[in-house]
Protein backbone atom coordinates (compact mmCIF):
# COMPACT_ATOMS: atom_id res chain seq x y z
CA MET A 1 80.81 72.36 139.03
CA LEU A 2 81.15 68.61 139.90
CA PRO A 3 82.32 67.97 143.56
CA PRO A 4 86.26 67.14 143.17
CA GLU A 5 85.92 63.45 144.45
CA ILE A 6 83.85 62.74 141.75
CA LEU A 7 86.19 64.43 139.13
CA ARG A 8 88.92 62.14 140.56
CA LYS A 9 86.56 59.21 139.92
CA ILE A 10 85.70 60.06 136.81
CA LYS A 11 89.51 60.58 136.18
CA ARG A 12 90.28 57.19 137.56
CA ILE A 13 87.61 55.27 135.51
CA GLN A 14 88.81 56.81 132.38
CA LEU A 15 92.35 56.17 133.04
CA LYS A 16 91.84 52.28 134.01
CA THR A 17 89.03 51.74 131.17
CA ASN A 18 91.14 53.61 128.46
CA TYR A 19 93.54 51.06 129.20
CA LEU A 20 91.45 47.80 129.08
CA ALA A 21 89.72 49.57 125.87
CA ASN A 22 93.02 49.67 124.15
CA GLU A 23 95.27 47.11 125.35
CA ILE A 24 92.58 44.06 126.51
CA PHE A 25 89.22 44.54 125.40
CA ALA A 26 89.52 46.59 121.54
CA GLY A 27 90.43 42.66 120.14
CA GLU A 28 87.73 40.91 121.50
CA TYR A 29 85.22 43.65 120.69
CA GLU A 30 86.39 43.77 117.07
CA SER A 31 86.28 40.23 116.83
CA ALA A 32 82.79 39.75 118.52
CA PHE A 33 80.62 42.48 116.70
CA ARG A 34 82.99 43.72 113.57
CA GLY A 35 81.50 41.99 110.40
CA GLN A 36 78.52 41.23 111.76
CA GLY A 37 76.64 44.30 109.47
CA MET A 38 77.16 43.84 106.17
CA GLU A 39 76.31 45.90 103.14
CA PHE A 40 76.05 44.06 99.57
CA GLU A 41 78.50 45.97 97.18
CA GLU A 42 78.47 43.65 93.49
CA VAL A 43 78.26 40.38 91.95
CA ARG A 44 80.88 39.04 90.37
CA GLU A 45 81.99 35.93 88.44
CA TYR A 46 82.85 32.66 91.08
CA GLN A 47 86.46 31.94 91.40
CA PRO A 48 88.32 29.05 93.13
CA GLY A 49 88.12 29.26 97.05
CA ASP A 50 84.72 31.35 97.23
CA GLU A 51 82.30 30.49 99.65
CA ILE A 52 79.25 28.35 97.92
CA ARG A 53 76.90 30.03 100.28
CA THR A 54 77.46 33.36 98.44
CA ILE A 55 76.47 32.18 95.16
CA ASP A 56 73.83 34.40 93.58
CA TRP A 57 71.40 31.44 91.86
CA ASN A 58 69.39 34.02 90.07
CA VAL A 59 72.44 35.59 88.26
CA THR A 60 73.86 32.38 87.82
CA ALA A 61 70.96 31.10 86.00
CA ARG A 62 70.51 33.69 84.01
CA MET A 63 74.43 34.08 82.59
CA GLY A 64 75.06 30.10 82.33
CA ARG A 65 77.66 30.42 84.79
CA PRO A 66 78.30 31.04 88.54
CA PHE A 67 78.24 34.29 90.12
CA VAL A 68 78.82 34.96 93.52
CA LYS A 69 77.56 38.38 95.89
CA ILE A 70 80.33 40.60 97.34
CA TYR A 71 79.46 42.17 100.80
CA ARG A 72 81.55 44.54 102.62
CA GLU A 73 81.83 45.55 106.33
CA GLU A 74 79.33 48.71 107.28
CA ARG A 75 81.82 51.22 107.87
CA GLU A 76 80.45 51.75 111.39
CA MET A 77 78.18 50.64 114.31
CA THR A 78 75.99 52.04 116.19
CA VAL A 79 76.42 50.81 120.24
CA MET A 80 73.48 51.68 122.71
CA ILE A 81 74.23 51.29 126.48
CA MET A 82 71.45 51.20 128.80
CA VAL A 83 72.21 51.26 132.50
CA ASP A 84 70.03 50.11 135.31
CA LEU A 85 70.05 53.23 138.21
CA SER A 86 67.21 51.55 140.33
CA GLY A 87 67.92 51.69 144.05
CA THR A 88 69.72 48.13 144.21
CA LEU A 89 72.48 49.36 142.28
CA ASP A 90 73.55 51.69 144.98
CA PHE A 91 74.81 48.56 147.06
CA GLY A 92 78.00 46.98 147.60
CA THR A 93 80.22 45.26 149.86
CA ARG A 94 83.21 44.67 147.80
CA ARG A 95 84.95 48.16 148.11
CA ARG A 96 82.19 49.92 145.51
CA PHE A 97 78.89 49.97 144.43
CA LYS A 98 77.25 48.36 141.95
CA ARG A 99 76.62 51.62 140.15
CA GLU A 100 80.20 52.40 140.03
CA THR A 101 81.00 49.17 138.67
CA ALA A 102 78.21 49.69 135.97
CA ALA A 103 79.97 52.82 135.13
CA GLU A 104 83.33 51.21 134.36
CA ILE A 105 81.98 48.81 132.16
CA ALA A 106 80.13 51.30 130.27
CA ALA A 107 83.38 53.20 130.06
CA VAL A 108 85.24 50.00 128.59
CA LEU A 109 82.43 49.47 125.99
CA ALA A 110 82.36 53.20 125.05
CA TYR A 111 85.95 53.48 124.62
CA ALA A 112 86.31 50.23 122.59
CA ALA A 113 83.37 51.53 120.30
CA VAL A 114 85.08 55.23 119.90
CA LYS A 115 88.54 53.35 118.98
CA SER A 116 86.68 51.79 116.58
CA ASN A 117 85.21 54.60 115.12
CA ASP A 118 81.63 53.65 116.51
CA LYS A 119 78.96 55.77 117.47
CA VAL A 120 77.48 55.71 121.18
CA GLY A 121 74.51 56.26 122.76
CA LEU A 122 73.39 56.18 126.58
CA ILE A 123 69.83 55.38 128.21
CA LEU A 124 69.58 55.46 131.96
CA PHE A 125 66.69 53.92 133.39
CA THR A 126 64.71 52.87 136.72
CA ASP A 127 61.16 52.14 136.17
CA GLN A 128 61.24 55.03 133.82
CA VAL A 129 63.91 56.35 131.35
CA GLU A 130 65.64 58.86 133.44
CA ARG A 131 68.16 60.08 130.66
CA TYR A 132 68.53 59.41 127.02
CA ILE A 133 71.72 60.50 125.14
CA PRO A 134 71.59 60.12 121.53
CA VAL A 135 74.49 58.32 119.75
CA LYS A 136 77.69 60.29 118.77
CA LYS A 137 81.49 59.95 118.24
CA GLY A 138 84.32 61.14 119.97
CA ARG A 139 86.28 60.89 123.54
CA GLY A 140 84.46 63.93 124.79
CA HIS A 141 81.03 62.12 124.38
CA VAL A 142 82.71 59.12 126.47
CA TYR A 143 83.42 61.31 129.13
CA ARG A 144 80.00 62.49 129.13
CA VAL A 145 78.71 58.86 129.35
CA ILE A 146 80.72 58.13 132.48
CA GLN A 147 79.91 61.57 134.17
CA GLU A 148 76.26 60.69 133.67
CA VAL A 149 76.22 56.84 134.93
CA LEU A 150 78.30 58.44 137.87
CA THR A 151 76.33 61.32 138.97
CA TYR A 152 72.70 61.09 137.50
CA GLN A 153 70.79 61.30 140.64
CA PRO A 154 67.42 59.41 139.34
CA LYS A 155 64.21 60.33 140.20
CA ARG A 156 62.74 57.23 141.19
CA LYS A 157 63.90 54.17 142.65
CA GLY A 158 62.16 51.12 141.12
CA THR A 159 63.01 48.95 138.38
CA ASN A 160 61.16 47.95 135.20
CA LEU A 161 62.93 46.36 132.51
CA ASN A 162 60.14 46.64 129.92
CA VAL A 163 60.58 50.79 129.81
CA PRO A 164 64.32 50.84 128.51
CA LEU A 165 63.96 47.90 126.22
CA GLU A 166 60.59 49.43 124.64
CA PHE A 167 62.43 53.01 124.56
CA LEU A 168 65.21 51.35 122.67
CA MET A 169 62.81 49.87 120.09
CA ARG A 170 61.08 53.48 119.62
CA VAL A 171 64.21 55.60 119.39
CA MET A 172 66.86 53.00 117.46
CA HIS A 173 65.07 52.16 114.17
CA ARG A 174 68.26 50.90 112.66
CA HIS A 175 70.17 48.07 113.83
CA SER A 176 72.44 48.61 116.89
CA ILE A 177 74.73 46.67 119.09
CA THR A 178 72.97 47.00 122.75
CA PHE A 179 74.47 46.41 125.94
CA LEU A 180 72.00 45.96 129.06
CA ILE A 181 73.53 46.61 132.38
CA SER A 182 71.15 45.73 135.12
CA ASP A 183 70.97 43.42 137.88
CA PHE A 184 67.87 42.10 136.80
CA LEU A 185 66.14 42.45 140.01
CA ASP A 186 62.82 42.17 138.38
CA ASP A 187 60.34 40.24 136.16
CA GLY A 188 57.98 39.81 133.35
CA TYR A 189 60.10 41.41 130.68
CA GLU A 190 61.42 37.96 128.64
CA GLN A 191 58.78 39.21 125.89
CA ALA A 192 60.56 42.72 125.63
CA LEU A 193 64.25 41.20 125.50
CA ARG A 194 62.68 38.75 122.91
CA ILE A 195 61.66 41.57 120.76
CA ALA A 196 64.25 43.79 121.30
CA ARG A 197 66.65 40.84 120.35
CA GLU A 198 65.05 40.18 116.80
CA ARG A 199 66.07 43.81 115.84
CA HIS A 200 69.11 44.36 117.80
CA ASP A 201 72.18 42.50 118.90
CA LEU A 202 71.43 42.64 122.64
CA VAL A 203 74.32 41.62 124.96
CA CYS A 204 72.80 41.14 129.07
CA LEU A 205 75.49 41.84 131.59
CA GLN A 206 74.30 41.10 134.94
CA MET A 207 75.73 42.68 137.98
CA PHE A 208 75.60 41.53 141.75
CA ASP A 209 76.81 41.43 145.13
CA PRO A 210 77.97 38.47 146.81
CA ALA A 211 75.72 39.66 149.91
CA GLU A 212 72.92 39.77 147.60
CA ARG A 213 72.90 35.76 147.68
CA TYR A 214 74.69 34.89 151.35
CA LEU A 215 74.77 36.46 154.55
CA PRO A 216 76.93 35.55 157.87
CA LYS A 217 75.30 34.32 160.57
CA MET A 218 74.42 37.64 162.84
CA GLY A 219 70.69 36.51 163.83
CA TYR A 220 68.16 39.18 163.58
CA VAL A 221 68.54 41.81 161.11
CA LEU A 222 66.79 44.62 160.05
CA MET A 223 66.60 44.47 156.06
CA VAL A 224 65.20 47.65 153.87
CA ASP A 225 64.24 47.11 150.33
CA SER A 226 66.25 49.91 148.52
CA GLU A 227 63.48 50.11 145.86
CA THR A 228 60.30 50.30 147.98
CA GLY A 229 61.30 51.00 151.47
CA GLN A 230 60.13 48.41 152.99
CA GLU A 231 61.70 46.90 156.04
CA ALA A 232 61.99 43.31 157.27
CA ARG A 233 63.71 41.61 160.26
CA VAL A 234 65.40 38.48 159.17
CA ASN A 235 66.79 35.53 161.22
CA THR A 236 70.25 35.18 159.33
CA SER A 237 71.02 32.45 161.70
CA SER A 238 68.00 30.09 160.93
CA ARG A 239 68.70 26.98 158.75
CA HIS A 240 65.77 28.02 156.46
CA TYR A 241 68.02 31.39 155.59
CA PRO A 242 70.45 30.43 152.46
CA GLN A 243 74.00 31.14 153.88
CA ASN A 244 77.56 30.38 152.73
CA LEU A 245 78.44 26.54 153.63
């Protein structure tokens, strides 16, 4: 049984993201991703106004008059949401942690997909794949996606973006729309990113908090790396330290 505060948080996110998915984001989702997956249906004779690029030149040459290929939209898409749960996501100075914002984004995407009758899957990762939920339809499945992102306690704290990208290529053999939600505090993942983009429509969403880039002048501050536990004393008043101007 989940604690009451977690249940309230999940309900709040459900209400908020369901509204966003239905009233605001749904049209953007449809226009951005619908129609990208097309299946060949038939060949018919060319009619005025048909797109020239759809002409089937082999059939045209055989029949002696122009024919075009007709395509139809695939009935459904597969949406995979990959969420970074490394230690740096448990940070926030603007009323919430980055992890909670990531859950809201994941929920909006999941609701928009379900509204379009698409299947949704989830990959939670750190420097390893922590949890994999295969693609499925339904609002109950969206509830599970939100719950997992909010409540799953990762076993590790590090970040390795190569791991989820390589895992995606192993488990998703067909084309998908994939959203990668992370703060991208890692390096050496560019090749894996390129390979994944060749098979899937990959959308990267970067999470960051203003305090990760700028700190006020507070003199010496003890800082702890949330992934490695390494400590360092930093003089935030030094002119060599980046601050808001």
